[in-house]
């Protein structure tokens, strides 16, 4: 597949098509309130960190979002947050508002259009994201990685799952393996990277499941079970991610 990779800063006319590209994220994942408040701001306020790929027909087949932020401040001390994806987005836009100079780029998401999956585009977009950060003078990219086969083992602790390796020493999980092949190493597990709390009616609509029993509910696409509280009328999903560091 012949690809042309651009940024929204260079091609602002492509905004609607990039934002509107079809993806395969589970519905409940995009209901995280921190993400809902901040993710759309990336394209509007940091378009140079939004990359997209077009195929030979000019169709958008992938996009990659990242954000710059200051990790090495006295308060943050270079430590990646246990609140992972949510904290990273809050830090990035707080730094932008306050004029704090960033020293690190974090991956936010890599999405592949359904018809283009299975062609290695995730690795291509990750490489483009690294190249974009390097070209802007950064020396490290970090990523709160959502292991893409973890949903098959929702009750396995993330610490155990993330550190499983194949005989060749690479991670067993395919998406962690893509990062490792690009030169990344695991830093830590972010146990509360993304939180989705909502009334049971919403969970029933998003998943088609009854959510009528107290306790842990295994939801297709979820990395860990969703906690259901029937009497209280809500359920909560707290997703762990895996922080990986990419030296540039």
Protein backbone atom coordinates (compact mmCIF):
# COMPACT_ATOMS: atom_id res chain seq x y z
CA UNK A 1 0.00 0.00 0.00
CA UNK A 2 1.39 3.38 -1.06
CA UNK A 3 0.82 5.87 1.75
CA UNK A 4 1.09 9.62 2.05
CA UNK A 5 1.48 10.79 5.66
CA UNK A 6 0.68 14.40 6.56
CA UNK A 7 -0.14 16.47 9.61
CA UNK A 8 -3.24 18.55 10.14
CA UNK A 9 -1.00 21.59 10.53
CA UNK A 10 0.12 21.09 6.93
CA UNK A 11 -3.32 20.03 5.65
CA UNK A 12 -5.95 21.87 7.74
CA UNK A 13 -8.51 21.27 4.99
CA UNK A 14 -8.52 17.58 5.98
CA UNK A 15 -9.80 18.19 9.52
CA UNK A 16 -13.32 16.86 9.04
CA UNK A 17 -12.15 13.77 7.18
CA UNK A 18 -9.49 12.94 9.75
CA UNK A 19 -11.80 13.43 12.72
CA UNK A 20 -14.57 11.56 10.95
CA UNK A 21 -12.51 8.51 9.96
CA UNK A 22 -14.24 5.26 10.91
CA UNK A 23 -12.59 3.25 13.67
CA UNK A 24 -13.26 0.16 15.77
CA UNK A 25 -13.07 1.50 19.34
CA UNK A 26 -15.70 -0.06 21.65
CA UNK A 27 -18.44 2.47 22.37
CA UNK A 28 -17.81 2.56 26.11
CA UNK A 29 -14.13 3.45 25.66
CA UNK A 30 -14.91 6.82 24.12
CA UNK A 31 -17.15 7.75 27.07
CA UNK A 32 -14.24 8.60 29.36
CA UNK A 33 -15.03 12.15 30.46
CA UNK A 34 -11.44 13.37 30.53
CA UNK A 35 -10.91 12.09 27.02
CA UNK A 36 -14.22 13.49 25.80
CA UNK A 37 -13.24 16.94 27.11
CA UNK A 38 -9.65 16.99 25.83
CA UNK A 39 -9.24 14.68 22.85
CA UNK A 40 -11.09 16.96 20.37
CA UNK A 41 -8.84 19.83 21.42
CA UNK A 42 -5.76 18.13 19.98
CA UNK A 43 -6.83 18.64 16.37
CA UNK A 44 -7.95 22.20 17.09
CA UNK A 45 -5.06 23.41 19.25
CA UNK A 46 -2.16 21.07 18.43
CA UNK A 47 -2.70 20.14 14.76
CA UNK A 48 1.02 19.57 14.22
CA UNK A 49 0.66 16.51 16.48
CA UNK A 50 -2.17 14.94 14.47
CA UNK A 51 -0.89 12.75 11.64
CA UNK A 52 -2.91 10.89 9.05
CA UNK A 53 -2.24 8.50 6.20
CA UNK A 54 -3.88 8.48 2.78
CA UNK A 55 -3.82 5.55 0.38
CA UNK A 56 -3.43 5.64 -3.41
CA UNK A 57 -7.07 6.67 -3.82
CA UNK A 58 -6.74 9.55 -1.39
CA UNK A 59 -8.78 7.77 1.29
CA UNK A 60 -7.75 8.26 4.92
CA UNK A 61 -6.77 4.87 6.30
CA UNK A 62 -5.10 5.77 9.62
CA UNK A 63 -4.49 8.57 12.07
CA UNK A 64 -2.18 9.11 15.03
CA UNK A 65 -2.63 11.66 17.80
CA UNK A 66 0.02 12.78 20.26
CA UNK A 67 0.58 15.71 22.64
CA UNK A 68 3.63 17.47 24.09
CA UNK A 69 3.89 17.99 27.84
CA UNK A 70 6.43 18.71 30.56
CA UNK A 71 7.39 15.52 32.39
CA UNK A 72 10.57 16.76 34.00
CA UNK A 73 9.10 19.51 36.17
CA UNK A 74 9.96 19.58 39.87
CA UNK A 75 6.47 18.40 40.78
CA UNK A 76 6.28 15.57 38.21
CA UNK A 77 9.91 14.55 38.55
CA UNK A 78 10.02 12.53 35.36
CA UNK A 79 7.58 9.98 36.77
CA UNK A 80 4.82 8.75 34.49
CA UNK A 81 1.45 8.98 36.23
CA UNK A 82 -0.59 6.06 37.52
CA UNK A 83 -3.61 7.81 36.05
CA UNK A 84 -2.06 7.28 32.65
CA UNK A 85 -4.06 8.46 29.66
CA UNK A 86 -6.32 10.78 31.66
CA UNK A 87 -3.48 12.46 33.57
CA UNK A 88 -1.37 12.87 30.44
CA UNK A 89 -4.15 14.74 28.63
CA UNK A 90 -4.79 16.99 31.62
CA UNK A 91 -1.08 17.76 32.00
CA UNK A 92 -0.66 18.52 28.29
CA UNK A 93 -3.43 21.08 28.11
CA UNK A 94 -2.61 22.55 31.51
CA UNK A 95 0.97 23.10 30.30
CA UNK A 96 -0.27 24.59 27.04
CA UNK A 97 -2.55 27.03 28.87
CA UNK A 98 0.18 28.09 31.30
CA UNK A 99 2.92 28.39 28.70
CA UNK A 100 5.11 25.67 30.23
CA UNK A 101 7.70 24.40 27.79
CA UNK A 102 7.19 20.69 27.01
CA UNK A 103 10.05 18.19 27.15
CA UNK A 104 8.25 14.97 26.16
CA UNK A 105 5.69 13.80 23.64
CA UNK A 106 3.04 11.28 24.60
CA UNK A 107 1.17 9.10 22.18
CA UNK A 108 -2.57 9.49 22.62
CA UNK A 109 -4.01 7.11 20.04
CA UNK A 110 -3.33 5.27 16.81
CA UNK A 111 -6.45 4.34 14.84
CA UNK A 112 -6.72 2.29 11.67
CA UNK A 113 -9.77 2.40 9.42
CA UNK A 114 -11.59 -0.96 9.50
CA UNK A 115 -10.94 -1.75 5.85
CA UNK A 116 -7.19 -1.14 6.23
CA UNK A 117 -6.54 -3.26 9.32
CA UNK A 118 -4.13 -6.16 9.25
CA UNK A 119 -1.63 -4.41 6.97
CA UNK A 120 0.89 -3.22 9.54
CA UNK A 121 -0.31 0.38 9.54
CA UNK A 122 -0.12 0.68 13.33
CA UNK A 123 3.65 0.28 13.18
CA UNK A 124 3.85 2.78 10.30
CA UNK A 125 1.89 5.40 12.24
CA UNK A 126 3.88 4.81 15.43
CA UNK A 127 7.08 5.35 13.45
CA UNK A 128 5.64 8.54 11.93
CA UNK A 129 4.70 9.79 15.40
CA UNK A 130 8.26 9.16 16.63
CA UNK A 131 9.71 10.91 13.59
CA UNK A 132 7.42 13.89 14.12
CA UNK A 133 8.51 14.23 17.76
CA UNK A 134 12.18 13.90 16.83
CA UNK A 135 11.83 16.55 14.13
CA UNK A 136 10.42 18.91 16.74
CA UNK A 137 13.43 18.50 18.97
CA UNK A 138 12.12 15.99 21.49
CA UNK A 139 14.28 13.16 22.78
CA UNK A 140 11.58 10.85 24.10
CA UNK A 141 8.10 9.64 23.27
CA UNK A 142 6.03 7.90 25.93
CA UNK A 143 2.86 5.92 25.39
CA UNK A 144 0.06 4.73 27.70
CA UNK A 145 -0.43 1.54 25.70
CA UNK A 146 -3.75 -0.29 25.59
CA UNK A 147 -2.64 -3.90 24.93
CA UNK A 148 -4.87 -5.08 22.13
CA UNK A 149 -5.23 -8.73 23.17
CA UNK A 150 -5.73 -8.08 26.90
CA UNK A 151 -9.52 -8.08 26.45
CA UNK A 152 -9.26 -11.84 25.91
CA UNK A 153 -8.04 -12.17 29.51
CA UNK A 154 -9.96 -9.53 31.49
CA UNK A 155 -9.26 -11.15 34.87
CA UNK A 156 -5.50 -11.48 34.40
CA UNK A 157 -3.64 -8.75 36.33
CA UNK A 158 -2.09 -6.24 33.96
CA UNK A 159 1.29 -6.51 35.68
CA UNK A 160 1.37 -10.21 34.86
CA UNK A 161 0.02 -9.81 31.34
CA UNK A 162 2.27 -6.93 30.30
CA UNK A 163 5.48 -8.73 31.19
CA UNK A 164 4.76 -11.96 29.35
CA UNK A 165 7.31 -12.54 26.61
CA UNK A 166 7.74 -14.91 23.71
CA UNK A 167 10.81 -17.15 23.30
CA UNK A 168 12.43 -14.36 21.26
CA UNK A 169 12.12 -12.00 24.23
CA UNK A 170 9.47 -9.74 22.70
CA UNK A 171 6.15 -9.10 24.46
CA UNK A 172 3.43 -11.64 23.89
CA UNK A 173 0.81 -8.95 23.31
CA UNK A 174 0.80 -7.78 19.66
CA UNK A 175 0.53 -4.02 20.31
CA UNK A 176 3.12 -4.06 23.08
CA UNK A 177 5.31 -5.98 20.65
CA UNK A 178 4.97 -3.29 17.98
CA UNK A 179 6.19 -0.71 20.50
CA UNK A 180 9.05 -2.96 21.63
CA UNK A 181 10.18 -3.51 18.05
CA UNK A 182 10.26 0.26 17.64
CA UNK A 183 12.70 0.44 20.55
CA UNK A 184 10.38 1.04 23.51
CA UNK A 185 10.65 -0.52 26.94
CA UNK A 186 8.02 -0.94 29.64
CA UNK A 187 8.20 1.71 32.35
CA UNK A 188 5.23 0.83 34.54
CA UNK A 189 1.57 -0.09 34.65
CA UNK A 190 -0.90 2.78 34.95
CA UNK A 191 -3.63 1.06 37.02
CA UNK A 192 -6.23 3.81 36.56
CA UNK A 193 -5.42 5.13 33.10
CA UNK A 194 -8.99 5.73 32.00
CA UNK A 195 -12.25 5.74 33.99
CA UNK A 196 -15.77 5.42 32.65
CA UNK A 197 -18.56 5.71 35.20
CA UNK A 198 -22.14 5.89 34.02
CA UNK A 199 -25.74 4.93 34.85
CA UNK A 200 -26.68 1.33 34.13
CA UNK A 201 -28.99 2.42 31.32
CA UNK A 202 -25.98 3.80 29.46
CA UNK A 203 -23.96 0.62 29.94
CA UNK A 204 -26.89 -1.45 28.68
CA UNK A 205 -27.13 0.72 25.59
CA UNK A 206 -23.39 0.66 24.90
CA UNK A 207 -22.90 -3.09 25.38
CA UNK A 208 -26.27 -4.82 24.95
CA UNK A 209 -25.69 -6.55 28.31
CA UNK A 210 -28.32 -6.61 31.10
CA UNK A 211 -26.18 -5.14 33.92
CA UNK A 212 -28.67 -6.51 36.44
CA UNK A 213 -26.33 -8.27 38.88
CA UNK A 214 -23.94 -6.78 41.42
CA UNK A 215 -20.28 -7.48 40.88
CA UNK A 216 -17.81 -7.74 38.04
CA UNK A 217 -19.17 -7.89 34.50
CA UNK A 218 -17.00 -9.04 31.60
CA UNK A 219 -17.69 -6.71 28.68
CA UNK A 220 -16.46 -7.45 25.14
CA UNK A 221 -13.48 -5.21 24.40
CA UNK A 222 -12.85 -4.31 28.05
CA UNK A 223 -9.38 -5.00 29.45
CA UNK A 224 -10.74 -5.65 32.95
CA UNK A 225 -14.25 -6.36 34.26
CA UNK A 226 -16.70 -3.51 34.76
CA UNK A 227 -17.95 -3.12 38.33
CA UNK A 228 -21.75 -3.10 38.48
CA UNK A 229 -23.68 -1.64 41.45
CA UNK A 230 -27.33 -2.42 40.74
CA UNK A 231 -28.85 -0.85 43.87
CA UNK A 232 -26.89 2.35 43.30
CA UNK A 233 -27.75 2.38 39.61
CA UNK A 234 -24.29 2.73 38.07
CA UNK A 235 -21.28 0.80 36.81
CA UNK A 236 -17.61 1.80 36.72
CA UNK A 237 -14.82 0.73 34.41
CA UNK A 238 -11.25 1.56 35.45
CA UNK A 239 -8.87 0.63 32.65
CA UNK A 240 -5.19 -0.09 33.22
CA UNK A 241 -2.68 0.77 30.52
CA UNK A 242 1.04 0.10 30.17
CA UNK A 243 3.45 3.02 30.06
CA UNK A 244 6.19 2.49 27.49
CA UNK A 245 9.16 4.78 26.84
CA UNK A 246 10.61 5.39 23.38
CA UNK A 247 14.05 7.04 23.37
CA UNK A 248 14.60 9.02 20.17
